[in-house]
Amino acid sequence: MRELTVDDIDRLATGAQFLSCSIDPTAMFMYAEMTRQAMRSATLQLADLDDLDDDALAVSVGVVSHGLLMAEMPPTGDEMLGVLGAIETALGRPVDAVFPLAAANVNAITPLLASLQVGLPVADADSMGRVFPLISQTTLNAGGVGIGPVALMGPTGERVTIEVSDARRAEALVRAATEELGGWAVAATYPCSVRELRAHGVRRSMSRMLALGDVMEGAGPAQAKYRQLADLVGSSRIARAQVTHVESSFGPSEVALPAQPSSLTLLDDGSGRIVRLEIQNEILMVLVDGAVAAAVPDIITLVDPERGAVVSLDDVRVGDVLDLLKTPADPKWYEPAGVSLAGPAAFGIPIQEIPA
């Protein structure tokens, strides 16, 4: 077990942004601040999976949204207690540990608050190792672990438990329930044994976010940080380029995803190469002079080369100069089951192979 400090919350949030191209800063701030306040009276423990019993019950905690920003209807703070209590009632046994639905964005923070509220450790693992838009796009689902029962609690205090095992079916039910609950909800999903989480989850993903936060918050030039990132997570720079066009498509998407596609066009500062980013919630693909340089499940991060800081897609403007970094996802995502769930074809991109 490792005891986390208040300083670790900031480091983890920075690491979570590195693994997600766009964040909800208000939600991140609110949950991080609630976590800091809760740490005044409780200890936050991060547990390696080897520290937990094989048959211990672990449950993922995360925020799901139907388009409503959390700033429009803020959390009250007891949503995690509500959903974990509902899971315990449904299964007839206590929860032993919590873990993030996704080790990125606000979902990297929510299990910390849940841990403090219920007095349980946070397992050092998650079900994505990055962030994807659908709750069915998890390594647990790829490994055959059932998603349900699923418990939801929205900002109005209403709570729903859905008895469902198929993750794709759960996607439709959770999305419909979330809309009725007020536009966003805290969700408890994938109740499983630690043995199953060890076999099919992404291990040590919380520790990785802390290490990424250490690098990105450190002093020194961007190039020095890139060398550290290469050693730590295998990151490589695709290009340094200036944004020339920001485009949005308001037509129908071929895939049932909660956002419409868009794209960025950039001009490589050194060679004049044309770089294009295809986006739908996350950066799905990077093209350099028409050739695929990276594609999901690869993780694409935008960095300001002057500050060496992660740039959110929401803050990108024409004229910005950005470094585009590519980081490999967890190896499970490059296996056939992972590619089927979250490879290019799952997002309607007709490419057969993911570039190495």
Protein backbone atom coordinates (compact mmCIF):
# COMPACT_ATOMS: atom_id res chain seq x y z
CA MET A 1 0.00 0.00 0.00
CA ARG A 2 1.12 3.53 -0.77
CA GLU A 3 -0.30 6.55 1.05
CA LEU A 4 -1.07 9.42 -1.33
CA THR A 5 -0.54 13.04 -0.37
CA VAL A 6 -2.33 16.26 -1.28
CA ASP A 7 0.52 17.06 -3.71
CA ASP A 8 -0.14 13.74 -5.45
CA ILE A 9 -3.61 14.97 -6.45
CA ASP A 10 -2.13 17.70 -8.65
CA ARG A 11 0.43 15.33 -10.14
CA LEU A 12 -2.23 12.77 -10.90
CA ALA A 13 -4.47 15.39 -12.51
CA THR A 14 -1.61 16.47 -14.78
CA GLY A 15 -0.92 12.88 -15.75
CA ALA A 16 -4.62 12.35 -16.39
CA GLN A 17 -4.65 15.27 -18.82
CA PHE A 18 -1.65 13.87 -20.71
CA LEU A 19 -3.72 10.75 -21.45
CA SER A 20 -6.83 12.69 -22.54
CA CYS A 21 -6.77 15.24 -25.34
CA SER A 22 -9.66 17.24 -23.90
CA ILE A 23 -10.73 17.74 -20.29
CA ASP A 24 -13.61 19.31 -18.39
CA PRO A 25 -11.56 21.69 -16.19
CA THR A 26 -14.51 22.55 -13.94
CA ALA A 27 -15.26 18.92 -13.15
CA MET A 28 -11.57 18.20 -12.62
CA PHE A 29 -11.24 21.14 -10.22
CA MET A 30 -14.40 20.29 -8.25
CA TYR A 31 -13.53 16.65 -7.67
CA ALA A 32 -9.87 17.42 -6.96
CA GLU A 33 -10.87 20.05 -4.39
CA MET A 34 -13.42 17.74 -2.73
CA THR A 35 -10.69 15.10 -2.54
CA ARG A 36 -8.23 17.52 -0.92
CA GLN A 37 -10.85 18.52 1.64
CA ALA A 38 -11.65 14.88 2.44
CA MET A 39 -7.93 14.13 2.92
CA ARG A 40 -7.92 16.40 5.99
CA SER A 41 -9.72 13.70 7.95
CA ALA A 42 -8.97 10.44 6.12
CA THR A 43 -6.01 8.59 4.62
CA LEU A 44 -5.88 7.84 0.90
CA GLN A 45 -4.34 4.46 0.10
CA LEU A 46 -3.23 3.25 -3.34
CA ALA A 47 -2.98 -0.54 -3.44
CA ASP A 48 -1.05 -2.64 -5.92
CA LEU A 49 -3.23 -5.52 -7.10
CA ASP A 50 -0.76 -7.96 -5.55
CA ASP A 51 -1.58 -6.42 -2.15
CA LEU A 52 -5.27 -7.41 -2.45
CA ASP A 53 -6.90 -10.81 -2.05
CA ASP A 54 -7.74 -12.64 -5.26
CA ASP A 55 -11.44 -12.83 -4.36
CA ALA A 56 -11.76 -9.24 -3.13
CA LEU A 57 -14.55 -7.30 -4.87
CA ALA A 58 -13.33 -4.30 -6.89
CA VAL A 59 -15.71 -1.82 -8.55
CA SER A 60 -14.95 0.94 -11.03
CA VAL A 61 -16.19 4.46 -10.29
CA GLY A 62 -16.47 7.16 -12.93
CA VAL A 63 -18.53 10.01 -14.34
CA VAL A 64 -20.71 9.49 -17.41
CA SER A 65 -22.28 12.41 -19.26
CA HIS A 66 -24.99 13.03 -21.79
CA GLY A 67 -23.57 16.38 -22.83
CA LEU A 68 -24.26 18.42 -19.68
CA LEU A 69 -21.27 20.26 -18.24
CA MET A 70 -20.87 19.65 -14.53
CA ALA A 71 -20.65 23.41 -13.94
CA GLU A 72 -24.31 23.68 -14.95
CA MET A 73 -25.41 21.24 -12.24
CA PRO A 74 -22.57 20.65 -9.73
CA PRO A 75 -22.18 17.45 -7.71
CA THR A 76 -23.23 17.33 -4.07
CA GLY A 77 -20.38 14.95 -3.25
CA ASP A 78 -22.33 11.91 -2.04
CA GLU A 79 -22.84 10.32 -5.45
CA MET A 80 -20.02 7.79 -4.92
CA LEU A 81 -21.52 6.65 -1.62
CA GLY A 82 -24.84 6.18 -3.37
CA VAL A 83 -23.62 4.06 -6.27
CA LEU A 84 -21.29 1.87 -4.19
CA GLY A 85 -24.10 1.26 -1.71
CA ALA A 86 -26.36 0.23 -4.57
CA ILE A 87 -23.76 -2.25 -5.86
CA GLU A 88 -23.38 -3.76 -2.40
CA THR A 89 -27.15 -4.15 -2.12
CA ALA A 90 -27.42 -5.71 -5.57
CA LEU A 91 -24.59 -8.20 -4.96
CA GLY A 92 -25.24 -8.84 -1.29
CA ARG A 93 -21.61 -8.33 -0.28
CA PRO A 94 -19.31 -5.41 0.58
CA VAL A 95 -17.02 -3.71 -1.90
CA ASP A 96 -13.34 -4.15 -1.00
CA ALA A 97 -11.63 -1.69 -3.39
CA VAL A 98 -12.44 0.89 -6.04
CA PHE A 99 -10.67 1.67 -9.30
CA PRO A 100 -11.08 4.22 -12.12
CA LEU A 101 -13.30 3.51 -15.08
CA ALA A 102 -10.64 5.36 -17.09
CA ALA A 103 -7.17 6.45 -15.99
CA ALA A 104 -7.57 9.86 -17.61
CA ASN A 105 -9.61 13.05 -17.36
CA VAL A 106 -11.93 13.51 -14.35
CA ASN A 107 -12.38 9.74 -14.00
CA ALA A 108 -8.84 9.54 -12.65
CA ILE A 109 -9.96 11.65 -9.66
CA THR A 110 -13.43 10.33 -8.81
CA PRO A 111 -12.29 7.00 -7.29
CA LEU A 112 -9.99 8.92 -4.95
CA LEU A 113 -12.95 10.73 -3.42
CA ALA A 114 -14.91 7.47 -3.31
CA SER A 115 -12.02 5.80 -1.50
CA LEU A 116 -11.91 8.51 1.15
CA GLN A 117 -15.66 8.48 1.67
CA VAL A 118 -16.03 4.73 2.14
CA GLY A 119 -12.63 3.97 3.67
CA LEU A 120 -11.47 1.60 0.94
CA PRO A 121 -8.19 1.50 -1.01
CA VAL A 122 -7.90 2.58 -4.63
CA ALA A 123 -6.62 -0.31 -6.72
CA ASP A 124 -3.68 0.67 -8.92
CA ALA A 125 -5.41 -0.33 -12.15
CA ASP A 126 -8.20 0.75 -14.47
CA SER A 127 -10.24 -0.56 -17.39
CA MET A 128 -8.87 1.63 -20.22
CA GLY A 129 -5.36 2.91 -19.50
CA ARG A 130 -6.42 6.09 -21.31
CA VAL A 131 -9.92 7.37 -22.08
CA PHE A 132 -12.49 6.21 -24.63
CA PRO A 133 -15.97 7.68 -25.14
CA LEU A 134 -17.95 4.48 -24.49
CA ILE A 135 -18.19 2.48 -21.27
CA SER A 136 -18.11 -0.67 -23.39
CA GLN A 137 -14.61 0.22 -24.68
CA THR A 138 -12.66 -1.38 -21.84
CA THR A 139 -10.06 -4.09 -21.53
CA LEU A 140 -12.38 -5.75 -19.00
CA ASN A 141 -15.09 -6.05 -21.65
CA ALA A 142 -12.51 -7.31 -24.14
CA GLY A 143 -11.55 -9.96 -21.59
CA GLY A 144 -15.13 -11.11 -21.05
CA VAL A 145 -15.76 -9.44 -17.66
CA GLY A 146 -19.41 -8.38 -17.29
CA ILE A 147 -20.21 -4.71 -16.82
CA GLY A 148 -23.13 -5.12 -14.43
CA PRO A 149 -24.92 -4.58 -12.28
CA VAL A 150 -24.48 -0.89 -13.06
CA ALA A 151 -25.44 1.77 -10.50
CA LEU A 152 -26.00 5.44 -11.42
CA MET A 153 -26.63 8.51 -9.29
CA GLY A 154 -27.19 11.95 -10.77
CA PRO A 155 -26.95 15.48 -9.38
CA THR A 156 -30.62 15.44 -8.32
CA GLY A 157 -29.97 12.59 -5.88
CA GLU A 158 -31.95 10.02 -7.84
CA ARG A 159 -30.39 6.59 -8.17
CA VAL A 160 -30.80 3.80 -10.72
CA THR A 161 -29.52 0.23 -10.70
CA ILE A 162 -29.46 -1.60 -14.02
CA GLU A 163 -29.21 -5.38 -14.10
CA VAL A 164 -27.24 -5.89 -17.29
CA SER A 165 -24.20 -7.95 -18.23
CA ASP A 166 -23.58 -7.06 -21.89
CA ALA A 167 -21.52 -3.86 -22.13
CA ARG A 168 -22.92 -2.78 -25.49
CA ARG A 169 -26.47 -3.07 -24.20
CA ALA A 170 -25.45 -1.25 -21.04
CA GLU A 171 -24.19 1.61 -23.19
CA ALA A 172 -27.68 2.38 -24.50
CA LEU A 173 -29.36 1.92 -21.13
CA VAL A 174 -26.85 4.05 -19.23
CA ARG A 175 -27.01 6.84 -21.80
CA ALA A 176 -30.82 6.96 -21.58
CA ALA A 177 -30.80 6.85 -17.78
CA THR A 178 -28.11 9.55 -17.55
CA GLU A 179 -30.23 11.94 -19.59
CA GLU A 180 -33.17 11.39 -17.23
CA LEU A 181 -30.98 11.79 -14.15
CA GLY A 182 -30.00 15.32 -15.13
CA GLY A 183 -27.40 15.04 -17.90
CA TRP A 184 -24.53 13.46 -15.97
CA ALA A 185 -24.15 10.79 -13.32
CA VAL A 186 -21.59 8.97 -11.26
CA ALA A 187 -21.49 5.33 -12.36
CA ALA A 188 -20.32 2.19 -10.60
CA THR A 189 -19.53 -0.47 -13.20
CA TYR A 190 -17.58 -3.69 -13.78
CA PRO A 191 -17.83 -5.22 -10.29
CA CYS A 192 -15.24 -7.97 -10.47
CA SER A 193 -12.76 -9.95 -8.44
CA VAL A 194 -9.22 -8.67 -8.06
CA ARG A 195 -8.19 -11.86 -9.87
CA GLU A 196 -10.22 -10.73 -12.92
CA LEU A 197 -8.91 -7.16 -12.67
CA ARG A 198 -5.36 -8.46 -12.51
CA ALA A 199 -5.91 -10.59 -15.64
CA HIS A 200 -7.93 -8.20 -17.78
CA GLY A 201 -7.44 -4.66 -16.45
CA VAL A 202 -4.64 -2.19 -17.08
CA ARG A 203 -2.24 -2.59 -14.17
CA ARG A 204 -0.44 0.24 -12.34
CA SER A 205 -2.22 2.91 -14.36
CA MET A 206 -2.56 5.22 -11.34
CA SER A 207 1.18 5.02 -10.68
CA ARG A 208 1.78 5.81 -14.35
CA MET A 209 -0.33 8.98 -14.13
CA LEU A 210 1.63 10.09 -11.07
CA ALA A 211 4.90 9.52 -12.94
CA LEU A 212 3.59 11.40 -15.98
CA GLY A 213 2.60 14.27 -13.70
CA ASP A 214 6.12 14.34 -12.28
CA VAL A 215 7.59 14.71 -15.75
CA MET A 216 5.13 17.28 -17.10
CA GLU A 217 5.25 19.46 -13.97
CA GLY A 218 9.03 19.35 -13.84
CA ALA A 219 11.32 22.21 -14.77
CA GLY A 220 13.35 22.23 -17.97
CA PRO A 221 12.70 22.44 -21.70
CA ALA A 222 10.12 20.39 -23.57
CA GLN A 223 12.79 18.33 -25.32
CA ALA A 224 14.15 17.09 -22.00
CA LYS A 225 10.64 16.09 -20.96
CA TYR A 226 10.18 14.17 -24.22
CA ARG A 227 13.29 12.11 -23.49
CA GLN A 228 11.88 11.24 -20.07
CA LEU A 229 8.51 10.37 -21.60
CA ALA A 230 10.18 8.11 -24.16
CA ASP A 231 11.83 6.16 -21.34
CA LEU A 232 8.73 6.14 -19.13
CA VAL A 233 5.87 5.31 -21.53
CA GLY A 234 7.44 4.99 -24.99
CA SER A 235 6.29 8.39 -26.29
CA SER A 236 7.65 9.75 -29.58
CA ARG A 237 7.14 13.06 -31.35
CA ILE A 238 5.27 12.90 -34.66
CA ALA A 239 5.68 16.55 -35.64
CA ARG A 240 5.99 20.16 -34.50
CA ALA A 241 3.41 22.04 -36.50
CA GLN A 242 1.33 25.21 -36.65
CA VAL A 243 -2.47 25.08 -36.67
CA THR A 244 -3.86 26.44 -39.96
CA HIS A 245 -7.48 25.25 -39.93
CA VAL A 246 -10.01 24.11 -37.31
CA GLU A 247 -13.00 22.32 -38.83
CA SER A 248 -16.22 20.86 -37.46
CA SER A 249 -18.67 18.52 -39.15
CA PHE A 250 -22.31 18.83 -38.18
CA GLY A 251 -23.51 15.95 -40.31
CA PRO A 252 -24.48 12.57 -38.89
CA SER A 253 -21.74 10.31 -37.61
CA GLU A 254 -21.59 6.72 -38.81
CA VAL A 255 -20.84 5.52 -35.29
CA ALA A 256 -23.12 5.95 -32.27
CA LEU A 257 -20.71 8.16 -30.35
CA PRO A 258 -21.65 11.10 -28.13
CA ALA A 259 -19.97 13.83 -30.23
CA GLN A 260 -19.73 14.85 -33.86
CA PRO A 261 -16.43 14.51 -35.72
CA SER A 262 -14.05 17.41 -36.31
CA SER A 263 -10.49 17.92 -37.50
CA LEU A 264 -7.39 20.09 -37.25
CA THR A 265 -5.00 20.88 -40.08
CA LEU A 266 -1.44 21.91 -39.26
CA LEU A 267 1.70 22.77 -41.22
CA ASP A 268 4.95 21.17 -40.06
CA ASP A 269 7.31 23.98 -39.03
CA GLY A 270 10.45 22.29 -40.28
CA SER A 271 9.51 20.43 -43.47
CA GLY A 272 6.27 21.94 -44.71
CA ARG A 273 4.46 18.60 -44.32
CA ILE A 274 0.69 18.79 -43.93
CA VAL A 275 -0.55 17.24 -40.69
CA ARG A 276 -4.22 16.43 -40.13
CA LEU A 277 -5.91 15.29 -36.93
CA GLU A 278 -9.24 13.46 -37.08
CA ILE A 279 -11.19 13.92 -33.85
CA GLN A 280 -14.29 12.46 -32.23
CA ASN A 281 -14.19 13.01 -28.47
CA GLU A 282 -10.54 11.92 -28.66
CA ILE A 283 -7.90 12.28 -31.37
CA LEU A 284 -8.56 9.20 -33.48
CA MET A 285 -5.93 9.50 -36.19
CA VAL A 286 -2.96 11.60 -37.29
CA LEU A 287 -2.12 11.87 -40.99
CA VAL A 288 1.18 13.31 -42.24
CA ASP A 289 1.06 14.14 -45.96
CA GLY A 290 -1.82 11.68 -46.23
CA ALA A 291 -0.03 8.75 -44.57
CA VAL A 292 -1.28 7.41 -41.24
CA ALA A 293 1.23 8.28 -38.51
CA ALA A 294 -0.91 7.19 -35.54
CA ALA A 295 -4.42 5.85 -34.94
CA VAL A 296 -6.52 4.63 -32.04
CA PRO A 297 -5.82 2.97 -29.71
CA ASP A 298 -2.57 5.02 -29.83
CA ILE A 299 -2.67 7.97 -27.40
CA ILE A 300 -2.10 11.37 -29.03
CA THR A 301 -1.09 14.28 -26.81
CA LEU A 302 -0.75 17.94 -27.79
CA VAL A 303 2.03 19.85 -26.04
CA ASP A 304 3.00 23.53 -26.04
CA PRO A 305 6.71 23.35 -27.02
CA GLU A 306 7.55 26.60 -25.22
CA ARG A 307 6.05 25.68 -21.85
CA GLY A 308 6.32 21.90 -22.13
CA ALA A 309 2.70 21.68 -20.94
CA VAL A 310 -0.23 19.62 -22.22
CA VAL A 311 -2.70 21.56 -24.39
CA SER A 312 -6.40 20.65 -24.32
CA LEU A 313 -8.16 20.45 -27.68
CA ASP A 314 -10.70 22.98 -26.41
CA ASP A 315 -7.92 25.58 -26.15
CA VAL A 316 -6.38 25.08 -29.62
CA ARG A 317 -6.57 28.10 -31.93
CA VAL A 318 -5.37 28.88 -35.46
CA GLY A 319 -1.73 29.99 -35.30
CA ASP A 320 -0.80 27.84 -32.31
CA VAL A 321 2.42 25.83 -32.62
CA LEU A 322 2.09 22.36 -31.11
CA ASP A 323 4.15 19.24 -30.62
CA LEU A 324 2.20 16.07 -31.42
CA LEU A 325 3.24 13.13 -29.24
CA LYS A 326 2.30 9.50 -29.81
CA THR A 327 2.22 7.07 -26.88
CA PRO A 328 1.38 3.37 -27.17
CA ALA A 329 -1.73 2.21 -25.33
CA ASP A 330 -1.74 -0.85 -23.12
CA PRO A 331 -0.76 -3.98 -25.12
CA LYS A 332 -4.26 -5.45 -24.59
CA TRP A 333 -5.64 -2.82 -26.97
CA TYR A 334 -3.54 -4.14 -29.86
CA GLU A 335 -4.85 -7.69 -29.46
CA PRO A 336 -7.78 -8.72 -31.73
CA ALA A 337 -10.46 -8.23 -29.05
CA GLY A 338 -9.07 -4.80 -28.17
CA VAL A 339 -8.79 -3.63 -31.77
CA SER A 340 -12.37 -4.79 -32.39
CA LEU A 341 -13.64 -2.64 -29.50
CA ALA A 342 -11.50 0.47 -29.91
CA GLY A 343 -9.46 0.27 -33.10
CA PRO A 344 -10.00 2.55 -36.09
CA ALA A 345 -12.92 0.53 -37.50
CA ALA A 346 -14.84 0.96 -34.22
CA PHE A 347 -14.88 4.70 -34.96
CA GLY A 348 -15.74 4.33 -38.65
CA ILE A 349 -12.17 4.78 -39.92
CA PRO A 350 -11.54 2.35 -42.79
CA ILE A 351 -7.89 1.46 -42.20
CA GLN A 352 -6.77 -2.12 -41.73
CA GLU A 353 -3.54 -1.76 -39.75
CA ILE A 354 -2.42 0.47 -36.93
CA PRO A 355 1.04 1.90 -37.69
CA ALA A 356 3.82 0.70 -35.38
